[in-house]
PDB file of N, CA and C in Angstrom:
ATOM      1  N   UNK A   1     -38.836 -20.299 -22.251  1.00  0.00           N
ATOM      2  CA  UNK A   1     -38.269 -21.529 -22.752  1.00  0.00           C
ATOM      3  C   UNK A   1     -36.895 -21.268 -23.391  1.00  0.00           C
ATOM      4  N   UNK A   2     -36.803 -20.115 -24.015  1.00  0.00           N
ATOM      5  CA  UNK A   2     -35.552 -19.748 -24.670  1.00  0.00           C
ATOM      6  C   UNK A   2     -34.420 -19.614 -23.636  1.00  0.00           C
ATOM      7  N   UNK A   3     -34.755 -19.038 -22.472  1.00  0.00           N
ATOM      8  CA  UNK A   3     -33.761 -18.868 -21.408  1.00  0.00           C
ATOM      9  C   UNK A   3     -33.284 -20.208 -20.860  1.00  0.00           C
ATOM     10  N   UNK A   4     -34.190 -21.171 -20.775  1.00  0.00           N
ATOM     11  CA  UNK A   4     -33.824 -22.494 -20.273  1.00  0.00           C
ATOM     12  C   UNK A   4     -32.845 -23.163 -21.234  1.00  0.00           C
ATOM     13  N   UNK A   5     -33.108 -23.063 -22.499  1.00  0.00           N
ATOM     14  CA  UNK A   5     -32.222 -23.676 -23.500  1.00  0.00           C
ATOM     15  C   UNK A   5     -30.844 -23.021 -23.462  1.00  0.00           C
ATOM     16  N   UNK A   6     -30.828 -21.694 -23.365  1.00  0.00           N
ATOM     17  CA  UNK A   6     -29.543 -20.992 -23.262  1.00  0.00           C
ATOM     18  C   UNK A   6     -28.805 -21.403 -21.989  1.00  0.00           C
ATOM     19  N   UNK A   7     -29.531 -21.520 -20.900  1.00  0.00           N
ATOM     20  CA  UNK A   7     -28.918 -21.932 -19.637  1.00  0.00           C
ATOM     21  C   UNK A   7     -28.312 -23.320 -19.732  1.00  0.00           C
ATOM     22  N   UNK A   8     -29.018 -24.239 -20.361  1.00  0.00           N
ATOM     23  CA  UNK A   8     -28.490 -25.592 -20.549  1.00  0.00           C
ATOM     24  C   UNK A   8     -27.243 -25.589 -21.435  1.00  0.00           C
ATOM     25  N   UNK A   9     -27.285 -24.807 -22.495  1.00  0.00           N
ATOM     26  CA  UNK A   9     -26.142 -24.745 -23.410  1.00  0.00           C
ATOM     27  C   UNK A   9     -24.910 -24.165 -22.705  1.00  0.00           C
ATOM     28  N   UNK A  10     -25.102 -23.090 -21.968  1.00  0.00           N
ATOM     29  CA  UNK A  10     -23.983 -22.461 -21.260  1.00  0.00           C
ATOM     30  C   UNK A  10     -23.462 -23.405 -20.174  1.00  0.00           C
ATOM     31  N   UNK A  11     -24.373 -24.062 -19.451  1.00  0.00           N
ATOM     32  CA  UNK A  11     -23.959 -25.009 -18.413  1.00  0.00           C
ATOM     33  C   UNK A  11     -23.157 -26.165 -18.972  1.00  0.00           C
ATOM     34  N   UNK A  12     -23.584 -26.689 -20.104  1.00  0.00           N
ATOM     35  CA  UNK A  12     -22.839 -27.781 -20.751  1.00  0.00           C
ATOM     36  C   UNK A  12     -21.461 -27.312 -21.201  1.00  0.00           C
ATOM     37  N   UNK A  13     -21.392 -26.127 -21.763  1.00  0.00           N
ATOM     38  CA  UNK A  13     -20.111 -25.596 -22.231  1.00  0.00           C
ATOM     39  C   UNK A  13     -19.149 -25.394 -21.060  1.00  0.00           C
ATOM     40  N   UNK A  14     -19.637 -24.827 -19.976  1.00  0.00           N
ATOM     41  CA  UNK A  14     -18.788 -24.597 -18.804  1.00  0.00           C
ATOM     42  C   UNK A  14     -18.351 -25.930 -18.196  1.00  0.00           C
ATOM     43  N   UNK A  15     -19.272 -26.888 -18.140  1.00  0.00           N
ATOM     44  CA  UNK A  15     -18.919 -28.214 -17.630  1.00  0.00           C
ATOM     45  C   UNK A  15     -17.831 -28.871 -18.458  1.00  0.00           C
ATOM     46  N   UNK A  16     -17.921 -28.750 -19.769  1.00  0.00           N
ATOM     47  CA  UNK A  16     -16.918 -29.321 -20.669  1.00  0.00           C
ATOM     48  C   UNK A  16     -15.562 -28.654 -20.457  1.00  0.00           C
ATOM     49  N   UNK A  17     -15.563 -27.332 -20.348  1.00  0.00           N
ATOM     50  CA  UNK A  17     -14.305 -26.591 -20.158  1.00  0.00           C
ATOM     51  C   UNK A  17     -13.662 -26.962 -18.822  1.00  0.00           C
ATOM     52  N   UNK A  18     -14.456 -27.049 -17.764  1.00  0.00           N
ATOM     53  CA  UNK A  18     -13.929 -27.405 -16.453  1.00  0.00           C
ATOM     54  C   UNK A  18     -13.347 -28.822 -16.482  1.00  0.00           C
ATOM     55  N   UNK A  19     -14.036 -29.734 -17.158  1.00  0.00           N
ATOM     56  CA  UNK A  19     -13.541 -31.108 -17.264  1.00  0.00           C
ATOM     57  C   UNK A  19     -12.202 -31.154 -17.988  1.00  0.00           C
ATOM     58  N   UNK A  20     -12.086 -30.408 -19.064  1.00  0.00           N
ATOM     59  CA  UNK A  20     -10.827 -30.377 -19.812  1.00  0.00           C
ATOM     60  C   UNK A  20      -9.695 -29.788 -18.964  1.00  0.00           C
ATOM     61  N   UNK A  21     -10.005 -28.731 -18.229  1.00  0.00           N
ATOM     62  CA  UNK A  21      -8.991 -28.128 -17.360  1.00  0.00           C
ATOM     63  C   UNK A  21      -8.573 -29.100 -16.262  1.00  0.00           C
ATOM     64  N   UNK A  22      -9.517 -29.849 -15.745  1.00  0.00           N
ATOM     65  CA  UNK A  22      -9.202 -30.833 -14.715  1.00  0.00           C
ATOM     66  C   UNK A  22      -8.299 -31.933 -15.273  1.00  0.00           C
ATOM     67  N   UNK A  23      -8.572 -32.374 -16.470  1.00  0.00           N
ATOM     68  CA  UNK A  23      -7.732 -33.398 -17.095  1.00  0.00           C
ATOM     69  C   UNK A  23      -6.302 -32.900 -17.307  1.00  0.00           C
ATOM     70  N   UNK A  24      -6.151 -31.613 -17.562  1.00  0.00           N
ATOM     71  CA  UNK A  24      -4.821 -31.026 -17.750  1.00  0.00           C
ATOM     72  C   UNK A  24      -4.104 -30.767 -16.423  1.00  0.00           C
ATOM     73  N   UNK A  25      -4.803 -30.964 -15.309  1.00  0.00           N
ATOM     74  CA  UNK A  25      -4.185 -30.778 -13.993  1.00  0.00           C
ATOM     75  C   UNK A  25      -4.182 -29.345 -13.517  1.00  0.00           C
ATOM     76  N   UNK A  26      -5.056 -28.530 -14.030  1.00  0.00           N
ATOM     77  CA  UNK A  26      -5.077 -27.117 -13.652  1.00  0.00           C
ATOM     78  C   UNK A  26      -5.647 -26.887 -12.252  1.00  0.00           C
ATOM     79  N   UNK A  27      -6.329 -27.889 -11.694  1.00  0.00           N
ATOM     80  CA  UNK A  27      -6.979 -27.709 -10.401  1.00  0.00           C
ATOM     81  C   UNK A  27      -6.275 -28.439  -9.267  1.00  0.00           C
ATOM     82  N   UNK A  28      -5.069 -28.915  -9.497  1.00  0.00           N
ATOM     83  CA  UNK A  28      -4.337 -29.636  -8.459  1.00  0.00           C
ATOM     84  C   UNK A  28      -4.070 -28.749  -7.246  1.00  0.00           C
ATOM     85  N   UNK A  29      -3.667 -27.522  -7.470  1.00  0.00           N
ATOM     86  CA  UNK A  29      -3.325 -26.633  -6.368  1.00  0.00           C
ATOM     87  C   UNK A  29      -4.563 -26.164  -5.604  1.00  0.00           C
ATOM     88  N   UNK A  30      -5.728 -26.252  -6.219  1.00  0.00           N
ATOM     89  CA  UNK A  30      -6.955 -25.805  -5.552  1.00  0.00           C
ATOM     90  C   UNK A  30      -7.223 -26.654  -4.321  1.00  0.00           C
ATOM     91  N   UNK A  31      -6.995 -27.955  -4.433  1.00  0.00           N
ATOM     92  CA  UNK A  31      -7.189 -28.846  -3.292  1.00  0.00           C
ATOM     93  C   UNK A  31      -6.265 -28.520  -2.138  1.00  0.00           C
ATOM     94  N   UNK A  32      -5.017 -28.187  -2.471  1.00  0.00           N
ATOM     95  CA  UNK A  32      -4.054 -27.826  -1.431  1.00  0.00           C
ATOM     96  C   UNK A  32      -4.469 -26.540  -0.724  1.00  0.00           C
ATOM     97  N   UNK A  33      -4.895 -25.549  -1.500  1.00  0.00           N
ATOM     98  CA  UNK A  33      -5.344 -24.293  -0.898  1.00  0.00           C
ATOM     99  C   UNK A  33      -6.595 -24.503  -0.059  1.00  0.00           C
ATOM    100  N   UNK A  34      -7.512 -25.310  -0.551  1.00  0.00           N
ATOM    101  CA  UNK A  34      -8.747 -25.567   0.193  1.00  0.00           C
ATOM    102  C   UNK A  34      -8.428 -26.244   1.518  1.00  0.00           C
ATOM    103  N   UNK A  35      -7.515 -27.200   1.512  1.00  0.00           N
ATOM    104  CA  UNK A  35      -7.137 -27.892   2.741  1.00  0.00           C
ATOM    105  C   UNK A  35      -6.473 -26.937   3.721  1.00  0.00           C
ATOM    106  N   UNK A  36      -5.616 -26.074   3.200  1.00  0.00           N
ATOM    107  CA  UNK A  36      -4.917 -25.095   4.041  1.00  0.00           C
ATOM    108  C   UNK A  36      -5.911 -24.159   4.724  1.00  0.00           C
ATOM    109  N   UNK A  37      -6.854 -23.620   3.953  1.00  0.00           N
ATOM    110  CA  UNK A  37      -7.822 -22.688   4.522  1.00  0.00           C
ATOM    111  C   UNK A  37      -8.822 -23.380   5.426  1.00  0.00           C
ATOM    112  N   UNK A  38      -9.137 -24.641   5.143  1.00  0.00           N
ATOM    113  CA  UNK A  38     -10.014 -25.412   6.019  1.00  0.00           C
ATOM    114  C   UNK A  38      -9.358 -25.592   7.384  1.00  0.00           C
ATOM    115  N   UNK A  39      -8.079 -25.944   7.382  1.00  0.00           N
ATOM    116  CA  UNK A  39      -7.349 -26.132   8.638  1.00  0.00           C
ATOM    117  C   UNK A  39      -7.269 -24.825   9.418  1.00  0.00           C
ATOM    118  N   UNK A  40      -6.995 -23.727   8.705  1.00  0.00           N
ATOM    119  CA  UNK A  40      -6.919 -22.427   9.375  1.00  0.00           C
ATOM    120  C   UNK A  40      -8.261 -22.047   9.989  1.00  0.00           C
ATOM    121  N   UNK A  41      -9.340 -22.250   9.256  1.00  0.00           N
ATOM    122  CA  UNK A  41     -10.653 -21.871   9.776  1.00  0.00           C
ATOM    123  C   UNK A  41     -11.057 -22.778  10.931  1.00  0.00           C
ATOM    124  N   UNK A  42     -10.679 -24.049  10.876  1.00  0.00           N
ATOM    125  CA  UNK A  42     -10.984 -24.978  11.964  1.00  0.00           C
ATOM    126  C   UNK A  42     -10.274 -24.536  13.246  1.00  0.00           C
ATOM    127  N   UNK A  43      -8.998 -24.166  13.132  1.00  0.00           N
ATOM    128  CA  UNK A  43      -8.244 -23.693  14.291  1.00  0.00           C
ATOM    129  C   UNK A  43      -8.822 -22.389  14.820  1.00  0.00           C
ATOM    130  N   UNK A  44      -9.204 -21.501  13.927  1.00  0.00           N
ATOM    131  CA  UNK A  44      -9.782 -20.225  14.343  1.00  0.00           C
ATOM    132  C   UNK A  44     -11.104 -20.454  15.075  1.00  0.00           C
ATOM    133  N   UNK A  45     -11.899 -21.384  14.595  1.00  0.00           N
ATOM    134  CA  UNK A  45     -13.169 -21.702  15.243  1.00  0.00           C
ATOM    135  C   UNK A  45     -12.933 -22.259  16.645  1.00  0.00           C
ATOM    136  N   UNK A  46     -11.921 -23.101  16.795  1.00  0.00           N
ATOM    137  CA  UNK A  46     -11.591 -23.633  18.119  1.00  0.00           C
ATOM    138  C   UNK A  46     -11.209 -22.498  19.068  1.00  0.00           C
ATOM    139  N   UNK A  47     -10.442 -21.535  18.569  1.00  0.00           N
ATOM    140  CA  UNK A  47     -10.047 -20.402  19.397  1.00  0.00           C
ATOM    141  C   UNK A  47     -11.256 -19.584  19.831  1.00  0.00           C
ATOM    142  N   UNK A  48     -12.190 -19.383  18.919  1.00  0.00           N
ATOM    143  CA  UNK A  48     -13.397 -18.620  19.242  1.00  0.00           C
ATOM    144  C   UNK A  48     -14.231 -19.358  20.281  1.00  0.00           C
ATOM    145  N   UNK A  49     -14.363 -20.660  20.126  1.00  0.00           N
ATOM    146  CA  UNK A  49     -15.135 -21.457  21.084  1.00  0.00           C
ATOM    147  C   UNK A  49     -14.482 -21.416  22.454  1.00  0.00           C
ATOM    148  N   UNK A  50     -13.173 -21.544  22.512  1.00  0.00           N
ATOM    149  CA  UNK A  50     -12.470 -21.483  23.796  1.00  0.00           C
ATOM    150  C   UNK A  50     -12.647 -20.123  24.463  1.00  0.00           C
ATOM    151  N   UNK A  51     -12.564 -19.064  23.685  1.00  0.00           N
ATOM    152  CA  UNK A  51     -12.753 -17.718  24.231  1.00  0.00           C
ATOM    153  C   UNK A  51     -14.178 -17.544  24.741  1.00  0.00           C
ATOM    154  N   UNK A  52     -15.149 -18.069  24.008  1.00  0.00           N
ATOM    155  CA  UNK A  52     -16.550 -17.960  24.431  1.00  0.00           C
ATOM    156  C   UNK A  52     -16.775 -18.740  25.727  1.00  0.00           C
ATOM    157  N   UNK A  53     -16.169 -19.913  25.836  1.00  0.00           N
ATOM    158  CA  UNK A  53     -16.308 -20.691  27.073  1.00  0.00           C
ATOM    159  C   UNK A  53     -15.705 -19.955  28.253  1.00  0.00           C
ATOM    160  N   UNK A  54     -14.544 -19.324  28.037  1.00  0.00           N
ATOM    161  CA  UNK A  54     -13.908 -18.557  29.101  1.00  0.00           C
ATOM    162  C   UNK A  54     -14.770 -17.388  29.555  1.00  0.00           C
ATOM    163  N   UNK A  55     -15.359 -16.683  28.599  1.00  0.00           N
ATOM    164  CA  UNK A  55     -16.235 -15.559  28.942  1.00  0.00           C
ATOM    165  C   UNK A  55     -17.486 -16.053  29.665  1.00  0.00           C
ATOM    166  N   UNK A  56     -18.016 -17.196  29.244  1.00  0.00           N
ATOM    167  CA  UNK A  56     -19.211 -17.749  29.890  1.00  0.00           C
ATOM    168  C   UNK A  56     -18.907 -18.126  31.338  1.00  0.00           C
ATOM    169  N   UNK A  57     -17.754 -18.733  31.580  1.00  0.00           N
ATOM    170  CA  UNK A  57     -17.363 -19.085  32.952  1.00  0.00           C
ATOM    171  C   UNK A  57     -17.201 -17.816  33.801  1.00  0.00           C
ATOM    172  N   UNK A  58     -16.580 -16.803  33.235  1.00  0.00           N
ATOM    173  CA  UNK A  58     -16.394 -15.543  33.958  1.00  0.00           C
ATOM    174  C   UNK A  58     -17.739 -14.919  34.305  1.00  0.00           C
ATOM    175  N   UNK A  59     -18.646 -14.916  33.357  1.00  0.00           N
ATOM    176  CA  UNK A  59     -19.972 -14.364  33.588  1.00  0.00           C
ATOM    177  C   UNK A  59     -20.728 -15.166  34.637  1.00  0.00           C
ATOM    178  N   UNK A  60     -20.569 -16.486  34.597  1.00  0.00           N
ATOM    179  CA  UNK A  60     -21.227 -17.362  35.567  1.00  0.00           C
ATOM    180  C   UNK A  60     -20.733 -17.054  36.977  1.00  0.00           C
ATOM    181  N   UNK A  61     -19.428 -16.846  37.123  1.00  0.00           N
ATOM    182  CA  UNK A  61     -18.859 -16.512  38.427  1.00  0.00           C
ATOM    183  C   UNK A  61     -19.360 -15.159  38.916  1.00  0.00           C
ATOM    184  N   UNK A  62     -19.435 -14.170  38.018  1.00  0.00           N
ATOM    185  CA  UNK A  62     -19.918 -12.841  38.402  1.00  0.00           C
ATOM    186  C   UNK A  62     -21.364 -12.887  38.854  1.00  0.00           C
ATOM    187  N   UNK A  63     -22.170 -13.648  38.135  1.00  0.00           N
ATOM    188  CA  UNK A  63     -23.584 -13.761  38.499  1.00  0.00           C
ATOM    189  C   UNK A  63     -23.715 -14.470  39.839  1.00  0.00           C
ATOM    190  N   UNK A  64     -22.925 -15.509  40.041  1.00  0.00           N
ATOM    191  CA  UNK A  64     -22.963 -16.238  41.313  1.00  0.00           C
ATOM    192  C   UNK A  64     -22.592 -15.340  42.480  1.00  0.00           C
ATOM    193  N   UNK A  65     -21.581 -14.495  42.290  1.00  0.00           N
ATOM    194  CA  UNK A  65     -21.163 -13.586  43.355  1.00  0.00           C
ATOM    195  C   UNK A  65     -22.231 -12.540  43.642  1.00  0.00           C
ATOM    196  N   UNK A  66     -22.881 -12.019  42.589  1.00  0.00           N
ATOM    197  CA  UNK A  66     -23.885 -10.983  42.802  1.00  0.00           C
ATOM    198  C   UNK A  66     -25.147 -11.561  43.442  1.00  0.00           C
ATOM    199  N   UNK A  67     -25.470 -12.798  43.172  1.00  0.00           N
ATOM    200  CA  UNK A  67     -26.644 -13.431  43.770  1.00  0.00           C
ATOM    201  C   UNK A  67     -26.381 -13.713  45.239  1.00  0.00           C
ATOM    202  N   UNK A  68     -25.177 -14.118  45.573  1.00  0.00           N
ATOM    203  CA  UNK A  68     -24.821 -14.419  46.962  1.00  0.00           C
ATOM    204  C   UNK A  68     -24.592 -13.141  47.772  1.00  0.00           C
ATOM    205  N   UNK A  69     -24.407 -12.037  47.097  1.00  0.00           N
ATOM    206  CA  UNK A  69     -24.220 -10.760  47.768  1.00  0.00           C
ATOM    207  C   UNK A  69     -22.789 -10.510  48.190  1.00  0.00           C
ATOM    208  N   UNK A  70     -21.862 -11.099  47.511  1.00  0.00           N
ATOM    209  CA  UNK A  70     -20.446 -10.922  47.862  1.00  0.00           C
ATOM    210  C   UNK A  70     -19.891  -9.652  47.305  1.00  0.00           C
TER     211      UNK A  70
END
């Protein structure tokens, strides 16, 4: 029970500090960085998907040729 009370107290204190920092505008740049990294990861994921599709098509062609005996 003692740990729960300490956890609540620490959580409230951290929440209060974060709220005060947000009011002061300390987290404005965090949104910009998050958007930047989200866009980068989205583009990287598209590249990975395109590469996987290309490899799948290549593998499909190889299997088709080996089944036909070419």
